[in-house]
Protein backbone atom coordinates (compact mmCIF):
# COMPACT_ATOMS: atom_id res chain seq x y z
CA MET A 1 162.25 56.37 211.60
CA LYS A 2 164.87 54.31 212.96
CA GLU A 3 164.84 50.75 213.86
CA THR A 4 167.41 51.12 216.81
CA TYR A 5 167.06 53.25 219.56
CA ASN A 6 166.26 53.59 223.55
CA ILE A 7 164.88 56.43 224.93
CA PHE A 8 164.79 56.76 228.93
CA VAL A 9 162.42 58.61 230.76
CA GLU A 10 161.14 59.27 234.03
CA GLY A 11 157.94 57.54 235.14
CA ILE A 12 155.04 55.38 233.53
CA ALA A 13 152.96 58.90 232.68
CA ASP A 14 156.48 59.63 230.42
CA LYS A 15 156.58 56.10 228.61
CA ARG A 16 152.34 56.62 227.94
CA PHE A 17 153.09 60.21 226.70
CA ILE A 18 156.31 59.16 224.39
CA GLU A 19 155.20 55.67 223.05
CA GLN A 20 152.03 57.35 222.12
CA LEU A 21 153.63 60.66 219.93
CA LEU A 22 156.95 58.60 218.18
CA GLU A 23 152.96 56.72 216.58
CA HIS A 24 151.48 60.28 216.13
CA ILE A 25 154.82 61.38 214.59
CA PHE A 26 156.32 58.80 212.46
CA HIS A 27 152.94 56.46 211.75
CA VAL A 28 154.63 53.32 213.22
CA SER A 29 153.94 51.28 216.46
CA VAL A 30 156.95 51.65 218.28
CA SER A 31 157.89 48.81 220.58
CA PRO A 32 157.20 48.70 224.04
CA GLU A 33 160.78 47.89 225.25
CA CYS A 34 162.57 50.86 223.50
CA VAL A 35 160.69 53.59 226.01
CA ILE A 36 162.42 52.16 229.28
CA LYS A 37 161.21 54.45 233.12
CA THR A 38 163.85 54.63 234.94
CA ASP A 39 161.78 55.85 238.43
CA GLY A 40 163.24 59.34 238.20
CA CYS A 41 166.90 61.29 237.85
CA THR A 42 167.69 60.58 240.99
CA LYS A 43 167.88 56.23 240.19
CA LEU A 44 169.80 56.82 236.89
CA VAL A 45 172.16 58.71 238.06
CA SER A 46 172.40 56.87 241.46
CA PRO A 47 175.57 54.64 241.67
CA ALA A 48 173.74 51.79 243.27
CA THR A 49 171.37 51.95 240.11
CA GLU A 50 173.20 53.30 237.66
CA LYS A 51 174.41 50.21 236.15
CA THR A 52 171.74 48.75 234.36
CA TYR A 53 171.29 52.00 232.92
CA LEU A 54 174.72 52.54 231.91
CA ASN A 55 174.71 48.82 230.56
CA GLN A 56 171.68 49.37 227.93
CA MET A 57 172.77 52.56 226.68
CA LYS A 58 176.45 50.98 225.40
CA ARG A 59 174.91 48.38 224.19
CA ASN A 60 172.46 50.37 222.52
CA SER A 61 174.98 52.67 221.05
CA ALA A 62 177.70 49.56 219.78
CA ASP A 63 175.06 48.39 217.62
CA GLY A 64 174.74 51.74 216.35
CA GLY A 65 171.64 52.53 217.90
CA VAL A 66 170.97 56.37 219.59
CA ASN A 67 169.94 56.85 223.18
CA LEU A 68 167.69 59.59 224.38
CA VAL A 69 167.28 61.04 227.77
CA ILE A 70 163.74 62.75 228.17
CA PHE A 71 163.59 64.08 231.96
CA ASP A 72 161.91 67.22 233.51
CA ALA A 73 163.92 70.38 234.75
CA ASP A 74 161.66 70.47 237.77
CA ASP A 75 162.72 73.15 239.67
CA ASP A 76 166.01 74.02 238.06
CA PHE A 77 166.42 73.50 234.02
CA ASN A 78 170.65 74.48 234.04
CA GLN A 79 171.24 72.78 237.57
CA ARG A 80 169.26 68.98 236.32
CA CYS A 81 171.23 70.32 232.30
CA SER A 82 174.42 70.20 234.22
CA GLU A 83 174.29 67.38 236.34
CA LEU A 84 173.15 64.98 233.13
CA LEU A 85 175.85 65.94 231.48
CA ALA A 86 178.67 65.58 233.85
CA TRP A 87 177.16 61.88 234.23
CA LYS A 88 177.15 61.38 230.42
CA GLU A 89 180.80 62.79 230.47
CA ARG A 90 181.83 60.43 233.77
CA ASN A 91 180.92 56.83 232.49
CA HIS A 92 181.23 57.97 228.38
CA VAL A 93 177.68 57.09 227.52
CA ASP A 94 176.66 58.62 224.50
CA PHE A 95 172.72 60.30 224.37
CA GLU A 96 171.47 63.49 223.81
CA LEU A 97 169.10 65.66 226.63
CA PHE A 98 166.04 67.03 226.01
CA LEU A 99 164.38 68.47 229.16
CA PHE A 100 160.43 69.11 230.16
CA PRO A 101 158.33 71.04 229.16
CA ASN A 102 160.47 72.49 225.98
CA ASN A 103 164.10 71.46 226.65
CA ALA A 104 164.57 75.87 227.74
CA ASN A 105 162.48 76.46 230.94
CA ILE A 106 161.72 74.73 234.02
CA GLY A 107 158.88 72.26 234.34
CA GLU A 108 157.60 69.05 233.78
CA LEU A 109 155.81 66.50 231.91
CA GLU A 110 152.63 68.08 233.63
CA ASP A 111 153.14 71.08 232.32
CA LEU A 112 153.35 70.37 228.83
CA LEU A 113 149.85 68.55 229.03
CA GLY A 114 148.58 71.52 230.29
CA GLN A 115 149.66 72.97 227.46
CA ILE A 116 148.55 70.66 224.76
CA ILE A 117 144.79 69.93 225.58
CA HIS A 118 142.49 70.38 222.95
CA ALA A 119 141.28 74.11 222.41
CA GLU A 120 137.23 73.42 223.04
CA ASN A 121 138.33 72.11 226.63
CA GLN A 122 140.22 74.80 227.92
CA PRO A 123 136.89 75.88 230.22
CA VAL A 124 137.55 72.91 232.05
CA MET A 125 140.89 74.12 232.67
CA ASP A 126 139.94 77.28 233.73
CA CYS A 127 137.52 75.98 235.98
CA TRP A 128 140.88 74.38 237.82
CA ASP A 129 142.56 77.58 237.69
CA LYS A 130 139.54 79.62 239.28
CA TYR A 131 139.46 76.45 242.05
CA GLU A 132 143.10 77.35 242.52
CA GLN A 133 142.58 80.82 242.61
CA ALA A 134 139.50 80.20 245.66
CA LEU A 135 141.60 78.01 248.17
CA GLU A 136 145.28 80.86 247.49
CA LYS A 137 142.14 82.49 249.04
CA ILE A 138 140.79 80.63 251.97
CA ASP A 139 142.25 81.71 255.24
CA LEU A 140 141.92 78.89 257.90
CA PRO A 141 142.27 79.74 261.51
CA TRP A 142 143.83 77.14 262.93
CA ARG A 143 146.46 77.07 260.22
CA ASN A 144 148.12 79.61 262.11
CA GLY A 145 148.22 81.81 258.57
CA GLU A 146 150.02 79.33 256.74
CA PRO A 147 148.36 78.63 253.34
CA LEU A 148 146.98 75.95 251.63
CA THR A 149 148.58 73.46 250.22
CA LEU A 150 147.01 73.16 246.02
CA PRO A 151 146.71 70.20 244.59
CA ALA A 152 150.11 68.69 242.81
CA LYS A 153 150.34 69.57 238.81
CA LYS A 154 149.29 65.63 238.25
CA THR A 155 146.21 65.92 239.98
CA ARG A 156 145.09 68.74 237.82
CA ILE A 157 145.23 66.80 234.74
CA TYR A 158 144.02 63.98 236.89
CA ALA A 159 141.06 66.09 237.15
CA TYR A 160 140.61 66.94 233.22
CA LEU A 161 140.50 63.49 232.34
CA GLU A 162 137.89 62.84 234.74
CA ALA A 163 135.77 65.51 233.21
CA LEU A 164 136.02 65.04 229.69
CA VAL A 165 135.69 60.39 230.36
CA GLY A 166 132.28 58.44 231.77
CA LYS A 167 131.78 57.36 234.55
CA SER A 168 131.29 53.74 234.60
CA LYS A 169 134.42 51.66 235.47
CA SER A 170 136.59 51.11 232.34
CA GLU A 171 135.72 54.79 231.83
CA LYS A 172 137.17 55.47 234.79
CA GLU A 173 140.63 53.20 233.75
CA LYS A 174 140.95 56.13 231.07
CA ILE A 175 142.54 58.40 233.65
CA LYS A 176 145.31 56.73 235.11
CA GLU A 177 148.52 57.42 233.28
CA LYS A 178 148.96 54.07 232.03
CA ASN A 179 146.35 53.81 229.79
CA ARG A 180 145.78 57.25 228.11
CA ASP A 181 145.28 58.13 224.70
CA TYR A 182 147.09 60.74 223.98
CA LEU A 183 146.42 60.08 220.80
CA ASN A 184 142.35 60.98 221.32
CA ARG A 185 142.04 64.04 218.85
CA ASN A 186 138.97 65.29 221.29
CA HIS A 187 141.32 65.42 224.08
CA TRP A 188 144.90 66.15 223.12
CA ASN A 189 146.33 68.43 220.33
CA LEU A 190 149.84 66.47 218.93
CA ASN A 191 150.20 69.12 216.52
CA ALA A 192 149.84 71.94 219.26
CA GLU A 193 152.41 74.49 218.98
CA ALA A 194 153.73 73.87 222.86
CA LEU A 195 155.20 70.70 220.91
CA ALA A 196 157.26 71.73 218.22
CA ALA A 197 160.57 71.37 220.71
CA LEU A 198 159.82 67.68 221.75
CA THR A 199 158.58 66.82 217.95
CA ASP A 200 161.95 68.68 215.89
CA PHE A 201 164.23 66.98 218.65
CA LEU A 202 162.02 63.45 218.56
CA GLN A 203 162.80 64.04 213.94
CA LYS A 204 166.13 64.99 214.12
CA HIS A 205 167.23 62.03 216.58
CA LEU A 206 164.72 59.39 215.26
CA ALA A 207 164.19 59.63 211.37
C-alpha cells in the first residue's frame, strides 16, 4: 500500500468505514490523519472553507502522494460528479473521485452499508422494511392526508446495530458512528459484491 495518501470524506461514519475497509483490504494499520473529514461536500468546495483542503491536496501531491475524494452521490450522481470535477479543474488540484454507493448510482454511504450486512442478519432489515411499509399506510386525520415521514437511512443502520449489540451502556456505544466495528464479521461482510467497485478503486490508486 502507498505510504503517502490523503482520502477526503464527508463525515465521521465515512471516515470510520474507509479506515477499517483499508485495514481489511491491505492488512495494515491506517493512520487516522490520512482520512480527512470535511463535514460535507459544501465545506470542501465553498470559497469560505476550501483553502485548508486545497492546501492539503497540493502539499500531498508535491510529496508524491495520492489524493482521493470519496463522497455521497446523493440525489444526482452526474451533478455531484460534475460539481467536484469542476472544482478540481478550477483549483488545479489532483485527486481521484468515487461517489457512494458504487460510483454509478445515486445514494449515500448508508445505501452501501445496507447491502453489506451479514447475510444471516437479513431478517433484521426485513423487519425494518415492514415497519416502513406500515408507516406508509398510516393516515393520521390531523395531518390532512400528508403521509408520515419515514426515518432517515442513518436511523436504519442505527436500528440494525442496536438489535445486534447488548443492552449495556458500553454495548450501546458500539452503535455510534465513531465506534462501529466494520471488521466484525457477525455484523458486516467486507467481501460483499456490493463493495467490489469501491475495493477496486482503492486497490487501483493505493496498491
